């Protein structure tokens, strides 16, 4: 909770806006902003989302999960079963059936998927 408060305060101070002004913009009292920034109360989600939108930062940043305001980057790699019917249909859609290389290209893609799983 203290880290969130520190981030909220830092964001506000970075643009030299007072607690009173932030409160007016959000429709809250200055005392509420003060409690959130000093870790005396947890800011509700709508407040945290407002800060994220207003200061154009990620919720990861506000929660202290990263130091970059853009957010924590995840290396998402979905598990793909090369023998699944959905994957077969997808591969079929990717290539021109009239192409002389159609079969070879599909097979190469399937082999690449298998390599990626290792």
PDB file of N, CA and C in Angstrom:
ATOM      1  N   UNK A   1       0.834  -1.184   0.000  1.00  0.00           N
ATOM      2  CA  UNK A   1       0.000   0.000   0.000  1.00  0.00           C
ATOM      3  C   UNK A   1       0.882   1.252   0.000  1.00  0.00           C
ATOM      4  N   UNK A   2       1.995   1.204   0.698  1.00  0.00           N
ATOM      5  CA  UNK A   2       2.896   2.358   0.762  1.00  0.00           C
ATOM      6  C   UNK A   2       3.496   2.640  -0.620  1.00  0.00           C
ATOM      7  N   UNK A   3       3.847   1.576  -1.341  1.00  0.00           N
ATOM      8  CA  UNK A   3       4.427   1.749  -2.676  1.00  0.00           C
ATOM      9  C   UNK A   3       3.426   2.419  -3.616  1.00  0.00           C
ATOM     10  N   UNK A   4       2.179   2.003  -3.557  1.00  0.00           N
ATOM     11  CA  UNK A   4       1.141   2.610  -4.396  1.00  0.00           C
ATOM     12  C   UNK A   4       1.012   4.097  -4.060  1.00  0.00           C
ATOM     13  N   UNK A   5       0.969   4.418  -2.795  1.00  0.00           N
ATOM     14  CA  UNK A   5       0.873   5.812  -2.378  1.00  0.00           C
ATOM     15  C   UNK A   5       2.048   6.639  -2.871  1.00  0.00           C
ATOM     16  N   UNK A   6       3.245   6.066  -2.770  1.00  0.00           N
ATOM     17  CA  UNK A   6       4.438   6.767  -3.252  1.00  0.00           C
ATOM     18  C   UNK A   6       4.357   7.034  -4.753  1.00  0.00           C
ATOM     19  N   UNK A   7       3.862   6.031  -5.500  1.00  0.00           N
ATOM     20  CA  UNK A   7       3.733   6.213  -6.948  1.00  0.00           C
ATOM     21  C   UNK A   7       2.695   7.288  -7.272  1.00  0.00           C
ATOM     22  N   UNK A   8       1.575   7.272  -6.565  1.00  0.00           N
ATOM     23  CA  UNK A   8       0.543   8.286  -6.818  1.00  0.00           C
ATOM     24  C   UNK A   8       1.085   9.684  -6.549  1.00  0.00           C
ATOM     25  N   UNK A   9       1.792   9.830  -5.449  1.00  0.00           N
ATOM     26  CA  UNK A   9       2.367  11.123  -5.085  1.00  0.00           C
ATOM     27  C   UNK A   9       3.413  11.557  -6.106  1.00  0.00           C
ATOM     28  N   UNK A  10       4.253  10.628  -6.502  1.00  0.00           N
ATOM     29  CA  UNK A  10       5.301  10.924  -7.475  1.00  0.00           C
ATOM     30  C   UNK A  10       4.699  11.373  -8.808  1.00  0.00           C
ATOM     31  N   UNK A  11       3.657  10.695  -9.236  1.00  0.00           N
ATOM     32  CA  UNK A  11       2.999  11.078 -10.485  1.00  0.00           C
ATOM     33  C   UNK A  11       2.432  12.494 -10.379  1.00  0.00           C
ATOM     34  N   UNK A  12       1.753  12.758  -9.301  1.00  0.00           N
ATOM     35  CA  UNK A  12       1.152  14.081  -9.104  1.00  0.00           C
ATOM     36  C   UNK A  12       2.225  15.164  -9.071  1.00  0.00           C
ATOM     37  N   UNK A  13       3.273  14.919  -8.306  1.00  0.00           N
ATOM     38  CA  UNK A  13       4.331  15.913  -8.179  1.00  0.00           C
ATOM     39  C   UNK A  13       5.126  16.095  -9.473  1.00  0.00           C
ATOM     40  N   UNK A  14       5.161  15.068 -10.309  1.00  0.00           N
ATOM     41  CA  UNK A  14       5.926  15.167 -11.558  1.00  0.00           C
ATOM     42  C   UNK A  14       5.362  16.225 -12.498  1.00  0.00           C
ATOM     43  N   UNK A  15       4.087  16.538 -12.350  1.00  0.00           N
ATOM     44  CA  UNK A  15       3.472  17.573 -13.190  1.00  0.00           C
ATOM     45  C   UNK A  15       3.080  18.796 -12.362  1.00  0.00           C
ATOM     46  N   UNK A  16       3.556  18.813 -11.131  1.00  0.00           N
ATOM     47  CA  UNK A  16       3.355  19.963 -10.235  1.00  0.00           C
ATOM     48  C   UNK A  16       1.877  20.334 -10.055  1.00  0.00           C
ATOM     49  N   UNK A  17       1.082  19.306  -9.770  1.00  0.00           N
ATOM     50  CA  UNK A  17      -0.336  19.502  -9.476  1.00  0.00           C
ATOM     51  C   UNK A  17      -0.543  19.268  -7.981  1.00  0.00           C
ATOM     52  N   UNK A  18      -1.322  20.109  -7.353  1.00  0.00           N
ATOM     53  CA  UNK A  18      -1.574  19.969  -5.918  1.00  0.00           C
ATOM     54  C   UNK A  18      -2.590  18.856  -5.660  1.00  0.00           C
ATOM     55  N   UNK A  19      -2.621  18.403  -4.432  1.00  0.00           N
ATOM     56  CA  UNK A  19      -3.621  17.417  -4.026  1.00  0.00           C
ATOM     57  C   UNK A  19      -5.030  17.986  -4.215  1.00  0.00           C
ATOM     58  N   UNK A  20      -5.172  19.267  -3.952  1.00  0.00           N
ATOM     59  CA  UNK A  20      -6.480  19.914  -4.111  1.00  0.00           C
ATOM     60  C   UNK A  20      -6.925  19.826  -5.569  1.00  0.00           C
ATOM     61  N   UNK A  21      -6.023  20.139  -6.508  1.00  0.00           N
ATOM     62  CA  UNK A  21      -6.350  20.120  -7.936  1.00  0.00           C
ATOM     63  C   UNK A  21      -6.693  18.698  -8.396  1.00  0.00           C
ATOM     64  N   UNK A  22      -5.919  17.708  -7.956  1.00  0.00           N
ATOM     65  CA  UNK A  22      -6.214  16.307  -8.305  1.00  0.00           C
ATOM     66  C   UNK A  22      -7.594  15.935  -7.768  1.00  0.00           C
ATOM     67  N   UNK A  23      -7.860  16.330  -6.545  1.00  0.00           N
ATOM     68  CA  UNK A  23      -9.172  16.053  -5.951  1.00  0.00           C
ATOM     69  C   UNK A  23     -10.303  16.651  -6.763  1.00  0.00           C
ATOM     70  N   UNK A  24     -10.126  17.896  -7.198  1.00  0.00           N
ATOM     71  CA  UNK A  24     -11.156  18.549  -8.014  1.00  0.00           C
ATOM     72  C   UNK A  24     -11.354  17.795  -9.323  1.00  0.00           C
ATOM     73  N   UNK A  25     -10.255  17.427  -9.974  1.00  0.00           N
ATOM     74  CA  UNK A  25     -10.349  16.700 -11.242  1.00  0.00           C
ATOM     75  C   UNK A  25     -11.064  15.361 -11.087  1.00  0.00           C
ATOM     76  N   UNK A  26     -10.876  14.722  -9.923  1.00  0.00           N
ATOM     77  CA  UNK A  26     -11.464  13.404  -9.696  1.00  0.00           C
ATOM     78  C   UNK A  26     -12.789  13.461  -8.959  1.00  0.00           C
ATOM     79  N   UNK A  27     -13.129  14.604  -8.427  1.00  0.00           N
ATOM     80  CA  UNK A  27     -14.356  14.706  -7.648  1.00  0.00           C
ATOM     81  C   UNK A  27     -14.197  14.160  -6.243  1.00  0.00           C
ATOM     82  N   UNK A  28     -12.982  14.300  -5.697  1.00  0.00           N
ATOM     83  CA  UNK A  28     -12.690  13.817  -4.345  1.00  0.00           C
ATOM     84  C   UNK A  28     -12.173  14.969  -3.493  1.00  0.00           C
ATOM     85  N   UNK A  29     -12.142  14.741  -2.195  1.00  0.00           N
ATOM     86  CA  UNK A  29     -11.589  15.733  -1.271  1.00  0.00           C
ATOM     87  C   UNK A  29     -10.070  15.601  -1.225  1.00  0.00           C
ATOM     88  N   UNK A  30      -9.421  16.710  -0.938  1.00  0.00           N
ATOM     89  CA  UNK A  30      -7.969  16.714  -0.803  1.00  0.00           C
ATOM     90  C   UNK A  30      -7.528  15.747   0.282  1.00  0.00           C
ATOM     91  N   UNK A  31      -8.312  15.637   1.338  1.00  0.00           N
ATOM     92  CA  UNK A  31      -7.938  14.745   2.444  1.00  0.00           C
ATOM     93  C   UNK A  31      -7.897  13.282   1.992  1.00  0.00           C
ATOM     94  N   UNK A  32      -8.759  12.905   1.066  1.00  0.00           N
ATOM     95  CA  UNK A  32      -8.734  11.538   0.538  1.00  0.00           C
ATOM     96  C   UNK A  32      -7.449  11.293  -0.251  1.00  0.00           C
ATOM     97  N   UNK A  33      -7.098  12.251  -1.102  1.00  0.00           N
ATOM     98  CA  UNK A  33      -5.864  12.140  -1.886  1.00  0.00           C
ATOM     99  C   UNK A  33      -4.669  12.024  -0.940  1.00  0.00           C
ATOM    100  N   UNK A  34      -4.653  12.812   0.093  1.00  0.00           N
ATOM    101  CA  UNK A  34      -3.572  12.780   1.071  1.00  0.00           C
ATOM    102  C   UNK A  34      -3.461  11.399   1.731  1.00  0.00           C
ATOM    103  N   UNK A  35      -4.588  10.833   2.118  1.00  0.00           N
ATOM    104  CA  UNK A  35      -4.574   9.499   2.750  1.00  0.00           C
ATOM    105  C   UNK A  35      -4.061   8.436   1.778  1.00  0.00           C
ATOM    106  N   UNK A  36      -4.456   8.515   0.508  1.00  0.00           N
ATOM    107  CA  UNK A  36      -3.981   7.533  -0.483  1.00  0.00           C
ATOM    108  C   UNK A  36      -2.473   7.655  -0.670  1.00  0.00           C
ATOM    109  N   UNK A  37      -1.993   8.881  -0.795  1.00  0.00           N
ATOM    110  CA  UNK A  37      -0.569   9.102  -1.040  1.00  0.00           C
ATOM    111  C   UNK A  37       0.297   8.728   0.154  1.00  0.00           C
ATOM    112  N   UNK A  38      -0.210   8.868   1.344  1.00  0.00           N
ATOM    113  CA  UNK A  38       0.579   8.560   2.541  1.00  0.00           C
ATOM    114  C   UNK A  38       0.363   7.148   3.062  1.00  0.00           C
ATOM    115  N   UNK A  39      -0.377   6.344   2.306  1.00  0.00           N
ATOM    116  CA  UNK A  39      -0.577   4.952   2.693  1.00  0.00           C
ATOM    117  C   UNK A  39      -1.488   4.763   3.882  1.00  0.00           C
ATOM    118  N   UNK A  40      -2.281   5.762   4.216  1.00  0.00           N
ATOM    119  CA  UNK A  40      -3.204   5.654   5.343  1.00  0.00           C
ATOM    120  C   UNK A  40      -4.522   5.010   4.936  1.00  0.00           C
ATOM    121  N   UNK A  41      -4.774   4.971   3.633  1.00  0.00           N
ATOM    122  CA  UNK A  41      -5.983   4.329   3.107  1.00  0.00           C
ATOM    123  C   UNK A  41      -5.664   3.783   1.726  1.00  0.00           C
ATOM    124  N   UNK A  42      -6.342   2.706   1.363  1.00  0.00           N
ATOM    125  CA  UNK A  42      -6.162   2.136   0.027  1.00  0.00           C
ATOM    126  C   UNK A  42      -7.035   2.884  -0.967  1.00  0.00           C
ATOM    127  N   UNK A  43      -6.431   3.280  -2.053  1.00  0.00           N
ATOM    128  CA  UNK A  43      -7.190   3.958  -3.104  1.00  0.00           C
ATOM    129  C   UNK A  43      -8.083   2.942  -3.807  1.00  0.00           C
ATOM    130  N   UNK A  44      -9.346   3.294  -4.048  1.00  0.00           N
ATOM    131  CA  UNK A  44     -10.221   2.380  -4.782  1.00  0.00           C
ATOM    132  C   UNK A  44      -9.750   2.213  -6.232  1.00  0.00           C
ATOM    133  N   UNK A  45     -10.196   1.144  -6.852  1.00  0.00           N
ATOM    134  CA  UNK A  45      -9.777   0.861  -8.225  1.00  0.00           C
ATOM    135  C   UNK A  45     -10.082   2.008  -9.172  1.00  0.00           C
ATOM    136  N   UNK A  46     -11.228   2.646  -9.007  1.00  0.00           N
ATOM    137  CA  UNK A  46     -11.572   3.732  -9.934  1.00  0.00           C
ATOM    138  C   UNK A  46     -10.561   4.871  -9.827  1.00  0.00           C
ATOM    139  N   UNK A  47     -10.018   5.099  -8.632  1.00  0.00           N
ATOM    140  CA  UNK A  47      -8.995   6.130  -8.442  1.00  0.00           C
ATOM    141  C   UNK A  47      -7.699   5.704  -9.123  1.00  0.00           C
ATOM    142  N   UNK A  48      -7.312   4.450  -8.922  1.00  0.00           N
ATOM    143  CA  UNK A  48      -6.079   3.950  -9.536  1.00  0.00           C
ATOM    144  C   UNK A  48      -6.180   3.985 -11.058  1.00  0.00           C
ATOM    145  N   UNK A  49      -7.332   3.600 -11.583  1.00  0.00           N
ATOM    146  CA  UNK A  49      -7.530   3.654 -13.031  1.00  0.00           C
ATOM    147  C   UNK A  49      -7.488   5.091 -13.534  1.00  0.00           C
ATOM    148  N   UNK A  50      -8.037   6.020 -12.767  1.00  0.00           N
ATOM    149  CA  UNK A  50      -8.000   7.423 -13.155  1.00  0.00           C
ATOM    150  C   UNK A  50      -6.547   7.897 -13.260  1.00  0.00           C
ATOM    151  N   UNK A  51      -5.739   7.573 -12.250  1.00  0.00           N
ATOM    152  CA  UNK A  51      -4.323   7.956 -12.279  1.00  0.00           C
ATOM    153  C   UNK A  51      -3.636   7.344 -13.503  1.00  0.00           C
ATOM    154  N   UNK A  52      -3.879   6.068 -13.754  1.00  0.00           N
ATOM    155  CA  UNK A  52      -3.248   5.398 -14.897  1.00  0.00           C
ATOM    156  C   UNK A  52      -3.620   6.086 -16.208  1.00  0.00           C
ATOM    157  N   UNK A  53      -4.881   6.420 -16.358  1.00  0.00           N
ATOM    158  CA  UNK A  53      -5.324   7.092 -17.584  1.00  0.00           C
ATOM    159  C   UNK A  53      -4.805   8.524 -17.659  1.00  0.00           C
ATOM    160  N   UNK A  54      -4.926   9.260 -16.588  1.00  0.00           N
ATOM    161  CA  UNK A  54      -4.540  10.673 -16.585  1.00  0.00           C
ATOM    162  C   UNK A  54      -3.043  10.853 -16.835  1.00  0.00           C
ATOM    163  N   UNK A  55      -2.225  10.021 -16.189  1.00  0.00           N
ATOM    164  CA  UNK A  55      -0.778  10.156 -16.316  1.00  0.00           C
ATOM    165  C   UNK A  55      -0.198   9.228 -17.385  1.00  0.00           C
ATOM    166  N   UNK A  56      -1.055   8.476 -18.054  1.00  0.00           N
ATOM    167  CA  UNK A  56      -0.662   7.572 -19.129  1.00  0.00           C
ATOM    168  C   UNK A  56       0.435   6.599 -18.684  1.00  0.00           C
ATOM    169  N   UNK A  57       0.136   5.895 -17.592  1.00  0.00           N
ATOM    170  CA  UNK A  57       1.039   4.867 -17.079  1.00  0.00           C
ATOM    171  C   UNK A  57       0.247   3.574 -16.907  1.00  0.00           C
ATOM    172  N   UNK A  58       0.961   2.504 -16.710  1.00  0.00           N
ATOM    173  CA  UNK A  58       0.298   1.216 -16.525  1.00  0.00           C
ATOM    174  C   UNK A  58      -0.059   0.984 -15.061  1.00  0.00           C
ATOM    175  N   UNK A  59      -0.989   0.083 -14.848  1.00  0.00           N
ATOM    176  CA  UNK A  59      -1.322  -0.313 -13.477  1.00  0.00           C
ATOM    177  C   UNK A  59      -0.142  -1.043 -12.842  1.00  0.00           C
ATOM    178  N   UNK A  60       0.641  -1.759 -13.633  1.00  0.00           N
ATOM    179  CA  UNK A  60       1.853  -2.402 -13.109  1.00  0.00           C
ATOM    180  C   UNK A  60       2.772  -1.369 -12.486  1.00  0.00           C
ATOM    181  N   UNK A  61       2.898  -0.238 -13.135  1.00  0.00           N
ATOM    182  CA  UNK A  61       3.749   0.828 -12.607  1.00  0.00           C
ATOM    183  C   UNK A  61       3.186   1.360 -11.292  1.00  0.00           C
ATOM    184  N   UNK A  62       1.897   1.629 -11.268  1.00  0.00           N
ATOM    185  CA  UNK A  62       1.278   2.156 -10.050  1.00  0.00           C
ATOM    186  C   UNK A  62       1.437   1.179  -8.884  1.00  0.00           C
ATOM    187  N   UNK A  63       1.317  -0.110  -9.155  1.00  0.00           N
ATOM    188  CA  UNK A  63       1.437  -1.115  -8.099  1.00  0.00           C
ATOM    189  C   UNK A  63       2.888  -1.451  -7.757  1.00  0.00           C
ATOM    190  N   UNK A  64       3.832  -0.823  -8.450  1.00  0.00           N
ATOM    191  CA  UNK A  64       5.237  -1.055  -8.133  1.00  0.00           C
ATOM    192  C   UNK A  64       5.790  -2.353  -8.673  1.00  0.00           C
ATOM    193  N   UNK A  65       5.120  -2.916  -9.665  1.00  0.00           N
ATOM    194  CA  UNK A  65       5.591  -4.174 -10.241  1.00  0.00           C
ATOM    195  C   UNK A  65       6.691  -3.964 -11.267  1.00  0.00           C
ATOM    196  N   UNK A  66       6.888  -2.720 -11.691  1.00  0.00           N
ATOM    197  CA  UNK A  66       7.940  -2.395 -12.638  1.00  0.00           C
ATOM    198  C   UNK A  66       8.356  -0.952 -12.419  1.00  0.00           C
ATOM    199  N   UNK A  67       9.472  -0.586 -12.992  1.00  0.00           N
ATOM    200  CA  UNK A  67       9.940   0.784 -12.850  1.00  0.00           C
ATOM    201  C   UNK A  67       9.643   1.621 -14.088  1.00  0.00           C
ATOM    202  N   UNK A  68       9.262   0.965 -15.179  1.00  0.00           N
ATOM    203  CA  UNK A  68       8.929   1.681 -16.400  1.00  0.00           C
ATOM    204  C   UNK A  68       7.445   2.023 -16.398  1.00  0.00           C
ATOM    205  N   UNK A  69       7.105   3.274 -16.644  1.00  0.00           N
ATOM    206  CA  UNK A  69       5.694   3.653 -16.654  1.00  0.00           C
ATOM    207  C   UNK A  69       4.867   2.921 -17.715  1.00  0.00           C
ATOM    208  N   UNK A  70       5.522   2.394 -18.753  1.00  0.00           N
ATOM    209  CA  UNK A  70       4.792   1.700 -19.813  1.00  0.00           C
ATOM    210  C   UNK A  70       4.243   0.354 -19.355  1.00  0.00           C
ATOM    211  N   UNK A  71       4.771  -0.190 -18.316  1.00  0.00           N
ATOM    212  CA  UNK A  71       4.261  -1.460 -17.810  1.00  0.00           C
ATOM    213  C   UNK A  71       5.246  -2.595 -17.956  1.00  0.00           C
ATOM    214  N   UNK A  72       4.906  -3.648 -17.298  1.00  0.00           N
ATOM    215  CA  UNK A  72       5.727  -4.849 -17.333  1.00  0.00           C
ATOM    216  C   UNK A  72       5.438  -5.583 -18.640  1.00  0.00           C
ATOM    217  N   UNK A  73       6.475  -5.930 -19.356  1.00  0.00           N
ATOM    218  CA  UNK A  73       6.297  -6.632 -20.619  1.00  0.00           C
ATOM    219  C   UNK A  73       6.366  -8.133 -20.375  1.00  0.00           C
ATOM    220  N   UNK A  74       5.405  -8.825 -20.917  1.00  0.00           N
ATOM    221  CA  UNK A  74       5.361 -10.273 -20.782  1.00  0.00           C
ATOM    222  C   UNK A  74       5.714 -10.899 -22.116  1.00  0.00           C
ATOM    223  N   UNK A  75       6.483 -11.927 -22.055  1.00  0.00           N
ATOM    224  CA  UNK A  75       6.838 -12.666 -23.262  1.00  0.00           C
ATOM    225  C   UNK A  75       5.814 -13.782 -23.420  1.00  0.00           C
ATOM    226  N   UNK A  76       4.665 -13.417 -23.974  1.00  0.00           N
ATOM    227  CA  UNK A  76       3.573 -14.364 -24.098  1.00  0.00           C
ATOM    228  C   UNK A  76       3.860 -15.343 -25.226  1.00  0.00           C
ATOM    229  N   UNK A  77       3.883 -16.600 -24.885  1.00  0.00           N
ATOM    230  CA  UNK A  77       4.100 -17.642 -25.875  1.00  0.00           C
ATOM    231  C   UNK A  77       3.025 -18.706 -25.679  1.00  0.00           C
ATOM    232  N   UNK A  78       1.948 -18.603 -26.433  1.00  0.00           N
ATOM    233  CA  UNK A  78       0.866 -19.566 -26.256  1.00  0.00           C
ATOM    234  C   UNK A  78       1.306 -20.972 -26.628  1.00  0.00           C
ATOM    235  N   UNK A  79       0.734 -21.912 -25.932  1.00  0.00           N
ATOM    236  CA  UNK A  79       1.022 -23.309 -26.236  1.00  0.00           C
ATOM    237  C   UNK A  79       0.214 -23.695 -27.475  1.00  0.00           C
ATOM    238  N   UNK A  80       0.910 -24.190 -28.473  1.00  0.00           N
ATOM    239  CA  UNK A  80       0.268 -24.532 -29.734  1.00  0.00           C
ATOM    240  C   UNK A  80       0.486 -26.017 -29.985  1.00  0.00           C
ATOM    241  N   UNK A  81      -0.593 -26.715 -30.150  1.00  0.00           N
ATOM    242  CA  UNK A  81      -0.513 -28.133 -30.482  1.00  0.00           C
ATOM    243  C   UNK A  81      -0.564 -28.251 -31.999  1.00  0.00           C
ATOM    244  N   UNK A  82       0.536 -28.713 -32.584  1.00  0.00           N
ATOM    245  CA  UNK A  82       0.593 -28.757 -34.041  1.00  0.00           C
ATOM    246  C   UNK A  82      -0.406 -29.740 -34.646  1.00  0.00           C
ATOM    247  N   UNK A  83      -0.888 -30.660 -33.840  1.00  0.00           N
ATOM    248  CA  UNK A  83      -1.837 -31.637 -34.371  1.00  0.00           C
ATOM    249  C   UNK A  83      -3.295 -31.276 -34.062  1.00  0.00           C
ATOM    250  N   UNK A  84      -3.531 -30.090 -33.522  1.00  0.00           N
ATOM    251  CA  UNK A  84      -4.896 -29.702 -33.204  1.00  0.00           C
ATOM    252  C   UNK A  84      -5.654 -29.346 -34.483  1.00  0.00           C
ATOM    253  N   UNK A  85      -6.948 -29.637 -34.526  1.00  0.00           N
ATOM    254  CA  UNK A  85      -7.743 -29.304 -35.713  1.00  0.00           C
ATOM    255  C   UNK A  85      -7.762 -27.804 -36.003  1.00  0.00           C
ATOM    256  N   UNK A  86      -7.779 -26.998 -34.941  1.00  0.00           N
ATOM    257  CA  UNK A  86      -7.785 -25.550 -35.139  1.00  0.00           C
ATOM    258  C   UNK A  86      -6.506 -25.083 -35.820  1.00  0.00           C
ATOM    259  N   UNK A  87      -5.369 -25.632 -35.380  1.00  0.00           N
ATOM    260  CA  UNK A  87      -4.100 -25.243 -35.979  1.00  0.00           C
ATOM    261  C   UNK A  87      -4.033 -25.705 -37.423  1.00  0.00           C
ATOM    262  N   UNK A  88      -4.523 -26.875 -37.715  1.00  0.00           N
ATOM    263  CA  UNK A  88      -4.541 -27.370 -39.104  1.00  0.00           C
ATOM    264  C   UNK A  88      -5.374 -26.440 -39.991  1.00  0.00           C
ATOM    265  N   UNK A  89      -6.546 -26.019 -39.501  1.00  0.00           N
ATOM    266  CA  UNK A  89      -7.390 -25.107 -40.284  1.00  0.00           C
ATOM    267  C   UNK A  89      -6.687 -23.773 -40.489  1.00  0.00           C
ATOM    268  N   UNK A  90      -6.026 -23.290 -39.459  1.00  0.00           N
ATOM    269  CA  UNK A  90      -5.299 -22.034 -39.578  1.00  0.00           C
ATOM    270  C   UNK A  90      -4.207 -22.139 -40.642  1.00  0.00           C
ATOM    271  N   UNK A  91      -3.447 -23.211 -40.598  1.00  0.00           N
ATOM    272  CA  UNK A  91      -2.367 -23.404 -41.566  1.00  0.00           C
ATOM    273  C   UNK A  91      -2.934 -23.504 -42.980  1.00  0.00           C
ATOM    274  N   UNK A  92      -4.048 -24.187 -43.132  1.00  0.00           N
ATOM    275  CA  UNK A  92      -4.676 -24.305 -44.449  1.00  0.00           C
ATOM    276  C   UNK A  92      -5.078 -22.934 -44.988  1.00  0.00           C
ATOM    277  N   UNK A  93      -5.546 -22.060 -44.109  1.00  0.00           N
ATOM    278  CA  UNK A  93      -5.977 -20.727 -44.530  1.00  0.00           C
ATOM    279  C   UNK A  93      -4.804 -19.837 -44.922  1.00  0.00           C
ATOM    280  N   UNK A  94      -3.622 -20.122 -44.421  1.00  0.00           N
ATOM    281  CA  UNK A  94      -2.471 -19.251 -44.647  1.00  0.00           C
ATOM    282  C   UNK A  94      -1.873 -19.340 -46.045  1.00  0.00           C
ATOM    283  N   UNK A  95      -2.142 -20.406 -46.751  1.00  0.00           N
ATOM    284  CA  UNK A  95      -1.457 -20.621 -48.024  1.00  0.00           C
ATOM    285  C   UNK A  95      -2.441 -20.800 -49.175  1.00  0.00           C
ATOM    286  N   UNK A  96      -2.004 -20.350 -50.327  1.00  0.00           N
ATOM    287  CA  UNK A  96      -2.790 -20.471 -51.550  1.00  0.00           C
ATOM    288  C   UNK A  96      -2.800 -21.939 -51.984  1.00  0.00           C
ATOM    289  N   UNK A  97      -3.986 -22.554 -52.052  1.00  0.00           N
ATOM    290  CA  UNK A  97      -4.029 -23.976 -52.422  1.00  0.00           C
ATOM    291  C   UNK A  97      -3.558 -24.234 -53.852  1.00  0.00           C
ATOM    292  N   UNK A  98      -3.553 -23.219 -54.705  1.00  0.00           N
ATOM    293  CA  UNK A  98      -3.106 -23.400 -56.096  1.00  0.00           C
ATOM    294  C   UNK A  98      -1.601 -23.262 -56.254  1.00  0.00           C
ATOM    295  N   UNK A  99      -0.927 -22.876 -55.178  1.00  0.00           N
ATOM    296  CA  UNK A  99       0.514 -22.694 -55.257  1.00  0.00           C
ATOM    297  C   UNK A  99       1.227 -24.041 -55.310  1.00  0.00           C
ATOM    298  N   UNK A 100       2.242 -24.156 -56.164  1.00  0.00           N
ATOM    299  CA  UNK A 100       2.988 -25.419 -56.227  1.00  0.00           C
ATOM    300  C   UNK A 100       3.773 -25.683 -54.933  1.00  0.00           C
ATOM    301  N   UNK A 101       4.008 -24.652 -54.141  1.00  0.00           N
ATOM    302  CA  UNK A 101       4.761 -24.811 -52.895  1.00  0.00           C
ATOM    303  C   UNK A 101       3.850 -25.002 -51.682  1.00  0.00           C
ATOM    304  N   UNK A 102       2.566 -25.077 -51.890  1.00  0.00           N
ATOM    305  CA  UNK A 102       1.587 -25.140 -50.812  1.00  0.00           C
ATOM    306  C   UNK A 102       1.927 -26.212 -49.771  1.00  0.00           C
ATOM    307  N   UNK A 103       2.104 -27.435 -50.193  1.00  0.00           N
ATOM    308  CA  UNK A 103       2.376 -28.541 -49.278  1.00  0.00           C
ATOM    309  C   UNK A 103       3.671 -28.347 -48.511  1.00  0.00           C
ATOM    310  N   UNK A 104       4.706 -27.906 -49.209  1.00  0.00           N
ATOM    311  CA  UNK A 104       6.010 -27.710 -48.575  1.00  0.00           C
ATOM    312  C   UNK A 104       5.964 -26.587 -47.535  1.00  0.00           C
ATOM    313  N   UNK A 105       5.279 -25.503 -47.868  1.00  0.00           N
ATOM    314  CA  UNK A 105       5.164 -24.384 -46.935  1.00  0.00           C
ATOM    315  C   UNK A 105       4.409 -24.796 -45.670  1.00  0.00           C
ATOM    316  N   UNK A 106       3.328 -25.531 -45.832  1.00  0.00           N
ATOM    317  CA  UNK A 106       2.557 -25.996 -44.668  1.00  0.00           C
ATOM    318  C   UNK A 106       3.406 -26.902 -43.788  1.00  0.00           C
ATOM    319  N   UNK A 107       4.134 -27.809 -44.409  1.00  0.00           N
ATOM    320  CA  UNK A 107       4.965 -28.732 -43.645  1.00  0.00           C
ATOM    321  C   UNK A 107       6.069 -27.988 -42.900  1.00  0.00           C
ATOM    322  N   UNK A 108       6.657 -27.001 -43.543  1.00  0.00           N
ATOM    323  CA  UNK A 108       7.701 -26.197 -42.901  1.00  0.00           C
ATOM    324  C   UNK A 108       7.144 -25.463 -41.683  1.00  0.00           C
ATOM    325  N   UNK A 109       5.952 -24.902 -41.807  1.00  0.00           N
ATOM    326  CA  UNK A 109       5.330 -24.204 -40.689  1.00  0.00           C
ATOM    327  C   UNK A 109       5.075 -25.150 -39.518  1.00  0.00           C
ATOM    328  N   UNK A 110       4.600 -26.331 -39.804  1.00  0.00           N
ATOM    329  CA  UNK A 110       4.350 -27.329 -38.752  1.00  0.00           C
ATOM    330  C   UNK A 110       5.661 -27.701 -38.059  1.00  0.00           C
ATOM    331  N   UNK A 111       6.728 -27.875 -38.832  1.00  0.00           N
ATOM    332  CA  UNK A 111       8.027 -28.195 -38.251  1.00  0.00           C
ATOM    333  C   UNK A 111       8.541 -27.042 -37.374  1.00  0.00           C
ATOM    334  N   UNK A 112       8.314 -25.814 -37.814  1.00  0.00           N
ATOM    335  CA  UNK A 112       8.718 -24.644 -37.019  1.00  0.00           C
ATOM    336  C   UNK A 112       7.954 -24.600 -35.686  1.00  0.00           C
ATOM    337  N   UNK A 113       6.676 -24.930 -35.728  1.00  0.00           N
ATOM    338  CA  UNK A 113       5.890 -24.962 -34.494  1.00  0.00           C
ATOM    339  C   UNK A 113       6.429 -26.008 -33.532  1.00  0.00           C
ATOM    340  N   UNK A 114       6.806 -27.156 -34.054  1.00  0.00           N
ATOM    341  CA  UNK A 114       7.366 -28.209 -33.214  1.00  0.00           C
ATOM    342  C   UNK A 114       8.677 -27.759 -32.588  1.00  0.00           C
ATOM    343  N   UNK A 115       9.529 -27.067 -33.363  1.00  0.00           N
ATOM    344  CA  UNK A 115      10.799 -26.573 -32.857  1.00  0.00           C
ATOM    345  C   UNK A 115      10.596 -25.539 -31.761  1.00  0.00           C
ATOM    346  N   UNK A 116       9.589 -24.709 -31.920  1.00  0.00           N
ATOM    347  CA  UNK A 116       9.302 -23.667 -30.937  1.00  0.00           C
ATOM    348  C   UNK A 116       8.872 -24.219 -29.587  1.00  0.00           C
ATOM    349  N   UNK A 117       8.328 -25.423 -29.578  1.00  0.00           N
ATOM    350  CA  UNK A 117       7.878 -26.050 -28.329  1.00  0.00           C
ATOM    351  C   UNK A 117       9.018 -26.599 -27.505  1.00  0.00           C
ATOM    352  N   UNK A 118      10.165 -26.809 -28.133  1.00  0.00           N
ATOM    353  CA  UNK A 118      11.299 -27.436 -27.429  1.00  0.00           C
ATOM    354  C   UNK A 118      11.973 -26.485 -26.493  1.00  0.00           C
TER     355      UNK A 118
END
